[in-house]
């Protein structure tokens, strides 16, 4: 397998990952500048993830209809436009809208990159390909927090979005030269009613979960939106099971290993999705760190993640998928519990060591889970499996932000309001860690040789 393709595809993931980690580090500064509070700004994080959930389902159809290379380049352009709009936002509404535009671009970048790789790579080489796809993407979280914190502290938060422009231009040029445009299937008929129902269901549910805890809006609006989203989700499920070519073919969930990978990944993302929002905020609001100092703390987790990419292939080849997935989810949950134990007196070297260690295991999970999702999926269903895993994954990240922010706000209100306190963050971390630990329980149900066909051998030790 040529490593040029995954490395170039990773340009998009680099932009996305750096962008998300930079914003988490700079939330407090952005909120102060546009006249809102940091908890309300989680609506901007959610808006991006909602846009992903709405538009990811049509990414496979778009790639087949217009060609993966063309869709990928247009997606990068849309992401750049959204970044420029973020930089010029002066209110919460403008910032949320700009983040939604970014999400429209991101909805095509990541899934199309992964779809191209799955179609172009023999199954027994998929773990190695996924590792190479994400190595440059991990540079984003390493560079993002300290660089974004530096820009926010010493210049202006607006620059954290402007830097996406030169990166995007470079990516568009490289994709034009090197991204393969083959493996293009005949596009299925687009499921219009399904797109409308699923899109509205995802958007209303994610928006509702966020609004429930937003100080700016009455919680009843959030409850109504979330319930409406769930009702639409039920209608979509009935529609999908009766339609020949549904937008999201839920019949694939009958495949046992795929179902376990999806459901376990859902709980893992719920827990992990909250931490990029909660941890930098805790460091800045209760530890008294500047955005730059906060970024210098949080980026070390990405160093551990980067190290994992060089041993993940060996780890899964030696142990199979079951045990590394169990270990990685359990240790990641323990890392979130540790965040709930930190105080301003906690030695910083200890915090950095735990972040590095848990970052290693989080990265191990992403590499293994991304490949294991396709273990028992036929080639003709790879596009559908890809969009189902991507859309549910991104929606759960949105729910993770809502879960973390909602728990934080609930504990804050029950305590009587006032300034956010350290105990508010600690309880929020315990809640999201418990949710993430469900993934460990589910992966324990896998057979020992699950996914062996991805490892190029019939059995694992």
Protein backbone atom coordinates (compact mmCIF):
# COMPACT_ATOMS: atom_id res chain seq x y z
CA UNK A 1 0.00 0.00 0.00
CA UNK A 2 1.30 3.43 -0.90
CA UNK A 3 1.46 5.68 2.15
CA UNK A 4 1.20 8.82 0.01
CA UNK A 5 -2.58 8.57 -0.26
CA UNK A 6 -3.38 8.35 3.49
CA UNK A 7 -0.85 11.09 4.27
CA UNK A 8 -2.42 13.50 1.76
CA UNK A 9 -5.93 12.59 2.88
CA UNK A 10 -4.81 13.41 6.40
CA UNK A 11 -4.41 17.08 5.46
CA UNK A 12 -8.14 17.44 6.00
CA UNK A 13 -8.02 15.66 9.34
CA UNK A 14 -5.13 17.91 10.36
CA UNK A 15 -7.28 21.00 9.79
CA UNK A 16 -10.30 19.54 11.56
CA UNK A 17 -8.40 18.26 14.58
CA UNK A 18 -6.34 21.40 15.04
CA UNK A 19 -9.45 23.53 14.70
CA UNK A 20 -11.42 21.67 17.36
CA UNK A 21 -8.58 21.62 19.90
CA UNK A 22 -7.76 25.29 19.28
CA UNK A 23 -11.37 26.35 19.88
CA UNK A 24 -11.60 24.35 23.12
CA UNK A 25 -8.48 26.12 24.42
CA UNK A 26 -9.79 29.58 23.45
CA UNK A 27 -13.45 29.25 24.50
CA UNK A 28 -13.17 31.63 27.45
CA UNK A 29 -11.49 34.35 25.37
CA UNK A 30 -13.95 34.01 22.46
CA UNK A 31 -16.92 34.11 24.85
CA UNK A 32 -15.64 37.29 26.52
CA UNK A 33 -15.05 39.00 23.18
CA UNK A 34 -18.43 38.26 21.57
CA UNK A 35 -20.40 38.99 24.72
CA UNK A 36 -21.54 35.56 25.92
CA UNK A 37 -20.46 33.00 28.52
CA UNK A 38 -18.27 29.91 27.97
CA UNK A 39 -21.10 27.43 28.68
CA UNK A 40 -23.31 29.06 26.02
CA UNK A 41 -20.45 28.73 23.54
CA UNK A 42 -20.85 24.96 23.64
CA UNK A 43 -23.73 25.62 21.23
CA UNK A 44 -21.06 26.60 18.68
CA UNK A 45 -19.22 23.31 19.27
CA UNK A 46 -22.52 21.44 18.93
CA UNK A 47 -23.49 23.34 15.75
CA UNK A 48 -20.36 22.05 14.03
CA UNK A 49 -21.04 18.47 15.05
CA UNK A 50 -24.72 18.74 14.08
CA UNK A 51 -23.70 19.90 10.59
CA UNK A 52 -21.47 16.82 10.37
CA UNK A 53 -24.33 14.56 11.43
CA UNK A 54 -26.69 16.06 8.85
CA UNK A 55 -24.37 15.98 5.84
CA UNK A 56 -22.14 12.94 6.48
CA UNK A 57 -24.92 10.51 5.36
CA UNK A 58 -24.77 11.82 1.78
CA UNK A 59 -20.94 11.82 1.61
CA UNK A 60 -20.75 8.33 0.09
CA UNK A 61 -23.41 9.17 -2.53
CA UNK A 62 -21.64 12.46 -3.34
CA UNK A 63 -18.31 10.69 -3.81
CA UNK A 64 -19.88 8.19 -6.23
CA UNK A 65 -21.95 10.82 -8.04
CA UNK A 66 -19.31 13.53 -8.53
CA UNK A 67 -16.01 11.75 -7.81
CA UNK A 68 -14.15 11.57 -4.53
CA UNK A 69 -11.38 13.99 -5.54
CA UNK A 70 -13.78 16.74 -6.62
CA UNK A 71 -15.98 16.36 -3.51
CA UNK A 72 -12.91 16.36 -1.25
CA UNK A 73 -11.51 19.57 -2.74
CA UNK A 74 -14.84 21.41 -2.60
CA UNK A 75 -15.27 20.28 1.00
CA UNK A 76 -11.89 21.78 1.94
CA UNK A 77 -12.91 25.04 0.26
CA UNK A 78 -16.19 25.17 2.21
CA UNK A 79 -14.29 24.50 5.43
CA UNK A 80 -11.96 27.41 4.68
CA UNK A 81 -14.92 29.73 4.00
CA UNK A 82 -16.44 28.71 7.34
CA UNK A 83 -13.12 29.43 9.06
CA UNK A 84 -13.00 32.94 7.61
CA UNK A 85 -16.60 33.54 8.75
CA UNK A 86 -15.64 32.40 12.28
CA UNK A 87 -12.77 34.89 12.35
CA UNK A 88 -15.11 37.77 11.50
CA UNK A 89 -17.96 36.76 13.87
CA UNK A 90 -18.99 39.36 16.44
CA UNK A 91 -21.94 37.59 18.16
CA UNK A 92 -22.90 34.12 19.37
CA UNK A 93 -25.41 33.71 16.50
CA UNK A 94 -22.80 34.60 13.85
CA UNK A 95 -20.22 32.30 15.43
CA UNK A 96 -22.69 29.38 15.58
CA UNK A 97 -23.63 29.95 11.91
CA UNK A 98 -19.97 30.06 10.85
CA UNK A 99 -19.25 26.84 12.72
CA UNK A 100 -22.18 25.20 10.92
CA UNK A 101 -20.62 26.16 7.56
CA UNK A 102 -17.34 24.63 8.73
CA UNK A 103 -19.24 21.48 9.65
CA UNK A 104 -20.72 21.24 6.15
CA UNK A 105 -17.18 21.10 4.77
CA UNK A 106 -15.96 18.75 7.48
CA UNK A 107 -18.89 16.41 6.78
CA UNK A 108 -17.39 15.60 3.39
CA UNK A 109 -13.66 15.77 4.20
CA UNK A 110 -13.26 13.09 6.85
CA UNK A 111 -15.74 10.48 5.58
CA UNK A 112 -14.67 10.78 1.93
CA UNK A 113 -11.03 10.41 2.98
CA UNK A 114 -11.84 7.29 4.97
CA UNK A 115 -14.05 5.88 2.18
CA UNK A 116 -11.28 6.32 -0.41
CA UNK A 117 -8.85 4.53 1.91
CA UNK A 118 -11.22 1.62 2.69
CA UNK A 119 -11.95 1.08 -1.01
CA UNK A 120 -8.30 1.32 -2.06
CA UNK A 121 -6.77 -0.84 0.69
CA UNK A 122 -6.77 -4.64 1.06
CA UNK A 123 -8.53 -5.56 4.31
CA UNK A 124 -5.45 -7.12 5.95
CA UNK A 125 -3.59 -3.80 5.48
CA UNK A 126 -6.42 -1.63 6.83
CA UNK A 127 -5.06 -1.24 10.39
CA UNK A 128 -1.74 0.06 9.04
CA UNK A 129 -3.51 2.36 6.56
CA UNK A 130 -5.75 3.83 9.27
CA UNK A 131 -2.70 4.46 11.46
CA UNK A 132 -0.96 6.38 8.66
CA UNK A 133 -4.15 8.30 7.89
CA UNK A 134 -4.28 9.65 11.42
CA UNK A 135 -0.58 10.34 12.13
CA UNK A 136 -0.53 13.79 10.47
CA UNK A 137 -4.00 14.46 11.87
CA UNK A 138 -2.56 14.02 15.35
CA UNK A 139 -0.09 16.84 14.68
CA UNK A 140 -3.13 19.13 14.85
CA UNK A 141 -3.89 18.41 18.52
CA UNK A 142 -0.16 18.67 19.32
CA UNK A 143 0.27 22.03 17.59
CA UNK A 144 -3.27 23.35 18.17
CA UNK A 145 -3.56 23.96 21.93
CA UNK A 146 -0.19 25.69 22.53
CA UNK A 147 -0.26 27.56 19.22
CA UNK A 148 -3.91 28.57 19.61
CA UNK A 149 -3.31 29.52 23.24
CA UNK A 150 -0.29 31.58 22.20
CA UNK A 151 -2.26 33.43 19.53
CA UNK A 152 -5.21 34.00 21.89
CA UNK A 153 -3.06 35.16 24.80
CA UNK A 154 -0.61 37.39 22.93
CA UNK A 155 -2.51 38.38 19.77
CA UNK A 156 -6.19 37.62 19.11
CA UNK A 157 -8.40 34.53 18.94
CA UNK A 158 -9.39 35.50 15.37
CA UNK A 159 -6.06 34.20 14.07
CA UNK A 160 -6.81 30.63 15.15
CA UNK A 161 -9.28 30.42 12.26
CA UNK A 162 -7.30 32.37 9.68
CA UNK A 163 -4.47 29.80 9.85
CA UNK A 164 -6.81 27.25 8.24
CA UNK A 165 -6.64 29.16 4.95
CA UNK A 166 -3.00 28.40 3.96
CA UNK A 167 -3.36 24.80 5.22
CA UNK A 168 -6.52 24.36 3.13
CA UNK A 169 -4.92 25.83 0.01
CA UNK A 170 -1.97 23.41 0.37
CA UNK A 171 -4.38 20.50 0.82
CA UNK A 172 -6.40 21.41 -2.29
CA UNK A 173 -3.21 21.54 -4.37
CA UNK A 174 -1.88 18.20 -3.05
CA UNK A 175 -5.24 16.46 -3.54
CA UNK A 176 -5.36 17.63 -7.16
CA UNK A 177 -2.02 16.00 -7.82
CA UNK A 178 -2.17 12.78 -5.87
CA UNK A 179 -5.63 11.70 -4.68
CA UNK A 180 -6.86 8.70 -6.69
CA UNK A 181 -10.26 9.12 -8.30
CA UNK A 182 -10.89 5.45 -9.05
CA UNK A 183 -13.03 2.95 -7.07
CA UNK A 184 -16.08 4.95 -8.04
CA UNK A 185 -19.28 2.95 -7.72
CA UNK A 186 -22.48 3.61 -9.60
CA UNK A 187 -24.38 5.98 -7.27
CA UNK A 188 -27.53 4.62 -5.67
CA UNK A 189 -30.73 6.62 -5.82
CA UNK A 190 -30.62 9.36 -3.21
CA UNK A 191 -33.11 8.82 -0.37
CA UNK A 192 -34.66 12.31 -0.26
CA UNK A 193 -37.31 11.69 2.42
CA UNK A 194 -34.72 9.85 4.53
CA UNK A 195 -32.27 12.74 4.22
CA UNK A 196 -34.89 15.22 5.44
CA UNK A 197 -36.09 13.00 8.31
CA UNK A 198 -32.64 11.92 9.50
CA UNK A 199 -31.16 15.41 9.15
CA UNK A 200 -33.96 17.01 11.14
CA UNK A 201 -33.86 14.24 13.75
CA UNK A 202 -30.12 14.64 14.32
CA UNK A 203 -30.27 18.44 14.33
CA UNK A 204 -33.25 18.73 16.69
CA UNK A 205 -31.92 16.13 19.12
CA UNK A 206 -28.40 17.59 19.32
CA UNK A 207 -29.71 21.16 19.51
CA UNK A 208 -32.25 20.21 22.16
CA UNK A 209 -29.67 18.52 24.36
CA UNK A 210 -27.52 21.65 24.23
CA UNK A 211 -30.35 24.13 24.82
CA UNK A 212 -31.57 22.28 27.94
CA UNK A 213 -28.53 23.61 29.79
CA UNK A 214 -28.05 26.93 27.98
CA UNK A 215 -28.55 29.91 30.29
CA UNK A 216 -29.66 32.04 27.32
CA UNK A 217 -32.77 30.01 26.41
CA UNK A 218 -35.61 28.45 28.45
CA UNK A 219 -34.92 24.72 29.01
CA UNK A 220 -38.42 23.81 27.76
CA UNK A 221 -37.30 24.70 24.21
CA UNK A 222 -34.54 22.13 24.50
CA UNK A 223 -36.86 19.44 25.79
CA UNK A 224 -39.34 20.01 22.95
CA UNK A 225 -36.56 19.94 20.32
CA UNK A 226 -34.96 16.78 21.74
CA UNK A 227 -38.30 14.93 21.96
CA UNK A 228 -39.19 16.01 18.39
CA UNK A 229 -35.80 14.70 17.25
CA UNK A 230 -36.39 11.33 18.91
CA UNK A 231 -39.86 11.03 17.36
CA UNK A 232 -38.45 11.81 13.91
CA UNK A 233 -35.73 9.23 14.58
CA UNK A 234 -38.38 6.56 15.15
CA UNK A 235 -40.13 7.53 11.90
CA UNK A 236 -36.80 7.41 10.05
CA UNK A 237 -36.03 3.94 11.44
CA UNK A 238 -39.36 2.62 10.14
CA UNK A 239 -38.71 4.31 6.78
CA UNK A 240 -35.16 2.90 6.50
CA UNK A 241 -36.24 -0.68 7.19
CA UNK A 242 -38.88 -0.49 4.42
CA UNK A 243 -36.77 1.28 1.76
CA UNK A 244 -34.55 -0.52 -0.74
CA UNK A 245 -31.80 2.11 -0.69
CA UNK A 246 -32.15 4.07 2.56
CA UNK A 247 -29.90 6.99 3.43
CA UNK A 248 -28.54 5.03 6.41
CA UNK A 249 -29.03 1.29 5.95
CA UNK A 250 -29.78 0.22 9.53
CA UNK A 251 -30.02 -3.41 8.41
CA UNK A 252 -26.21 -3.52 8.64
CA UNK A 253 -26.59 -3.45 12.43
CA UNK A 254 -27.61 -7.10 12.14
CA UNK A 255 -23.89 -7.83 11.61
CA UNK A 256 -22.78 -8.60 15.19
CA UNK A 257 -19.24 -7.20 15.26
CA UNK A 258 -20.32 -4.09 13.37
CA UNK A 259 -23.15 -3.57 15.86
CA UNK A 260 -20.83 -3.93 18.87
CA UNK A 261 -18.28 -1.57 17.31
CA UNK A 262 -20.96 1.05 16.67
CA UNK A 263 -22.72 0.82 20.05
CA UNK A 264 -19.50 0.62 22.10
CA UNK A 265 -18.02 3.48 20.07
CA UNK A 266 -21.16 5.50 20.82
CA UNK A 267 -20.58 5.30 24.59
CA UNK A 268 -16.84 5.91 24.24
CA UNK A 269 -17.44 9.07 22.21
CA UNK A 270 -20.03 10.32 24.69
CA UNK A 271 -17.37 10.28 27.39
CA UNK A 272 -14.47 11.51 25.29
CA UNK A 273 -16.51 14.20 23.53
CA UNK A 274 -17.00 16.08 26.80
CA UNK A 275 -13.34 16.34 27.83
CA UNK A 276 -12.06 18.80 25.18
CA UNK A 277 -14.80 21.16 26.40
CA UNK A 278 -14.50 20.56 30.17
CA UNK A 279 -10.77 20.19 30.79
CA UNK A 280 -9.40 23.43 29.24
CA UNK A 281 -12.30 25.32 30.83
CA UNK A 282 -11.45 23.89 34.26
CA UNK A 283 -7.77 24.79 33.86
CA UNK A 284 -8.61 28.38 32.92
CA UNK A 285 -11.57 29.13 35.23
CA UNK A 286 -10.52 27.29 38.41
CA UNK A 287 -6.75 26.76 38.07
CA UNK A 288 -6.18 30.31 36.81
CA UNK A 289 -4.19 29.29 33.73
CA UNK A 290 -4.07 31.47 30.61
CA UNK A 291 -5.24 29.97 27.28
CA UNK A 292 -1.58 29.49 26.31
CA UNK A 293 -0.74 27.71 29.57
CA UNK A 294 -3.87 25.58 29.27
CA UNK A 295 -2.91 24.63 25.73
CA UNK A 296 0.59 23.64 26.83
CA UNK A 297 -0.99 21.23 29.35
CA UNK A 298 -3.64 19.63 27.12
CA UNK A 299 -1.40 19.06 24.09
CA UNK A 300 0.70 16.38 25.80
CA UNK A 301 -2.13 13.87 25.36
CA UNK A 302 -1.59 14.12 21.62
CA UNK A 303 2.08 13.19 22.07
CA UNK A 304 0.97 9.91 23.61
CA UNK A 305 -1.54 9.51 20.80
CA UNK A 306 1.17 10.02 18.19
CA UNK A 307 3.40 7.41 19.84
CA UNK A 308 0.58 4.85 19.71
CA UNK A 309 0.37 5.03 15.94
CA UNK A 310 3.79 3.41 15.60
CA UNK A 311 2.94 0.37 17.72
CA UNK A 312 -0.80 -0.06 17.10
CA UNK A 313 -0.33 -2.38 14.12
CA UNK A 314 1.93 -4.68 16.15
CA UNK A 315 -0.41 -4.57 19.14
CA UNK A 316 -3.49 -5.66 17.18
CA UNK A 317 -1.51 -8.24 15.19
CA UNK A 318 -0.21 -9.77 18.44
CA UNK A 319 -3.26 -9.53 20.70
CA UNK A 320 -6.15 -9.33 18.22
CA UNK A 321 -8.85 -6.67 18.55
CA UNK A 322 -10.72 -7.68 21.71
CA UNK A 323 -8.19 -7.06 24.46
CA UNK A 324 -6.58 -3.84 23.15
CA UNK A 325 -10.10 -2.38 22.71
CA UNK A 326 -11.01 -3.40 26.27
CA UNK A 327 -7.78 -1.98 27.72
CA UNK A 328 -7.94 1.25 25.73
CA UNK A 329 -11.53 2.08 26.70
CA UNK A 330 -10.99 1.22 30.39
CA UNK A 331 -7.79 3.26 30.67
CA UNK A 332 -9.37 6.19 28.80
CA UNK A 333 -12.28 6.20 31.27
CA UNK A 334 -9.80 6.08 34.16
CA UNK A 335 -8.05 9.10 32.66
CA UNK A 336 -11.32 11.06 32.80
CA UNK A 337 -11.79 10.03 36.44
CA UNK A 338 -8.28 11.36 37.11
CA UNK A 339 -9.34 14.76 35.73
CA UNK A 340 -12.04 14.75 38.41
CA UNK A 341 -9.34 14.42 41.09
CA UNK A 342 -7.06 17.27 40.00
CA UNK A 343 -6.77 20.44 42.06
CA UNK A 344 -4.54 23.51 41.59
CA UNK A 345 -2.16 21.82 44.07
CA UNK A 346 -1.79 18.64 41.98
CA UNK A 347 1.82 18.37 40.71
CA UNK A 348 1.86 19.37 37.05
CA UNK A 349 4.30 16.56 36.03
CA UNK A 350 1.74 14.04 37.33
CA UNK A 351 -1.06 15.62 35.28
CA UNK A 352 1.14 15.63 32.17
CA UNK A 353 2.18 11.99 32.68
CA UNK A 354 -1.43 10.81 33.04
CA UNK A 355 -2.51 12.81 29.96
CA UNK A 356 0.31 11.28 27.89
CA UNK A 357 -0.50 7.75 29.04
CA UNK A 358 -4.24 8.04 28.43
CA UNK A 359 -3.60 9.78 25.08
CA UNK A 360 -1.67 6.67 24.00
CA UNK A 361 -4.61 4.40 24.77
CA UNK A 362 -7.24 6.72 23.29
CA UNK A 363 -5.28 6.69 20.04
CA UNK A 364 -5.02 2.89 20.19
CA UNK A 365 -8.81 2.74 20.41
CA UNK A 366 -9.31 5.02 17.38
CA UNK A 367 -6.92 3.02 15.20
CA UNK A 368 -8.40 -0.34 16.15
CA UNK A 369 -12.03 0.73 16.16
CA UNK A 370 -11.80 2.49 12.79
CA UNK A 371 -10.54 -0.73 11.17
CA UNK A 372 -12.65 -3.19 13.22
CA UNK A 373 -15.83 -1.44 12.06
CA UNK A 374 -15.28 -2.98 8.60
CA UNK A 375 -14.26 -6.47 9.82
CA UNK A 376 -17.40 -8.32 8.66
CA UNK A 377 -18.70 -5.78 6.15
CA UNK A 378 -18.82 -6.71 2.45
CA UNK A 379 -17.14 -4.35 -0.01
CA UNK A 380 -20.47 -3.31 -1.52
CA UNK A 381 -21.63 -2.14 1.94
CA UNK A 382 -18.41 -0.33 2.90
CA UNK A 383 -19.83 3.09 1.98
CA UNK A 384 -22.94 2.56 4.11
CA UNK A 385 -20.92 1.19 7.03
CA UNK A 386 -18.65 4.21 6.78
CA UNK A 387 -21.43 6.81 6.88
CA UNK A 388 -23.30 5.04 9.72
CA UNK A 389 -20.17 4.90 11.89
CA UNK A 390 -19.20 8.48 11.02
CA UNK A 391 -22.60 10.08 11.52
CA UNK A 392 -23.28 8.31 14.81
CA UNK A 393 -19.73 9.01 15.93
CA UNK A 394 -19.99 12.74 15.27
CA UNK A 395 -23.48 12.93 16.77
CA UNK A 396 -22.18 11.27 19.94
CA UNK A 397 -19.35 13.79 20.15
CA UNK A 398 -22.04 16.48 20.01
CA UNK A 399 -23.94 14.65 22.73
CA UNK A 400 -20.72 14.38 24.73
CA UNK A 401 -20.33 18.17 24.69
CA UNK A 402 -24.00 18.50 25.68
CA UNK A 403 -23.61 15.85 28.40
CA UNK A 404 -20.51 17.47 29.86
CA UNK A 405 -21.86 21.02 29.68
CA UNK A 406 -25.31 19.99 30.88
CA UNK A 407 -23.91 18.12 33.89
CA UNK A 408 -21.65 21.06 34.71
CA UNK A 409 -24.56 23.49 34.55
CA UNK A 410 -26.90 21.20 36.54
CA UNK A 411 -24.39 20.72 39.37
CA UNK A 412 -23.65 24.46 39.31
CA UNK A 413 -27.36 25.30 39.70
CA UNK A 414 -27.97 22.68 42.40
CA UNK A 415 -25.06 24.16 44.33
CA UNK A 416 -26.74 27.56 44.23
CA UNK A 417 -25.16 29.28 41.23
CA UNK A 418 -22.44 31.93 41.42
CA UNK A 419 -19.00 31.28 39.99
CA UNK A 420 -18.22 27.85 38.56
CA UNK A 421 -16.36 25.86 41.22
CA UNK A 422 -13.87 23.02 41.01
CA UNK A 423 -16.41 20.54 42.43
CA UNK A 424 -18.77 21.30 39.52
CA UNK A 425 -16.13 20.14 37.05
CA UNK A 426 -15.17 17.11 39.16
CA UNK A 427 -18.72 15.72 39.24
CA UNK A 428 -19.10 16.32 35.49
CA UNK A 429 -15.93 14.29 34.86
CA UNK A 430 -17.21 11.39 37.01
CA UNK A 431 -20.48 11.28 35.06
CA UNK A 432 -18.89 11.24 31.59
CA UNK A 433 -16.30 8.66 32.73
CA UNK A 434 -19.09 6.31 33.87
CA UNK A 435 -20.80 6.67 30.49
CA UNK A 436 -17.55 5.96 28.62
CA UNK A 437 -16.91 2.82 30.70
CA UNK A 438 -19.96 1.14 29.13
CA UNK A 439 -17.80 0.65 25.99
CA UNK A 440 -15.40 -1.55 27.98
CA UNK A 441 -18.26 -3.81 29.09
CA UNK A 442 -19.49 -4.18 25.50
CA UNK A 443 -16.06 -5.01 24.07
CA UNK A 444 -15.68 -7.74 26.72
CA UNK A 445 -18.49 -9.61 24.92
CA UNK A 446 -16.43 -9.97 21.72
CA UNK A 447 -15.01 -13.41 20.83
CA UNK A 448 -11.22 -13.68 21.14
CA UNK A 449 -10.70 -13.95 17.37
CA UNK A 450 -13.06 -11.08 16.40
CA UNK A 451 -11.79 -9.26 13.33
CA UNK A 452 -9.07 -11.83 12.58
CA UNK A 453 -9.57 -11.38 8.83
CA UNK A 454 -8.19 -7.83 9.11
CA UNK A 455 -4.95 -9.19 10.53
CA UNK A 456 -4.14 -11.49 7.64
CA UNK A 457 -4.33 -14.69 9.70
CA UNK A 458 -7.10 -17.07 10.72
CA UNK A 459 -6.54 -16.96 14.49
CA UNK A 460 -5.04 -14.65 17.06
CA UNK A 461 -3.07 -15.42 20.19
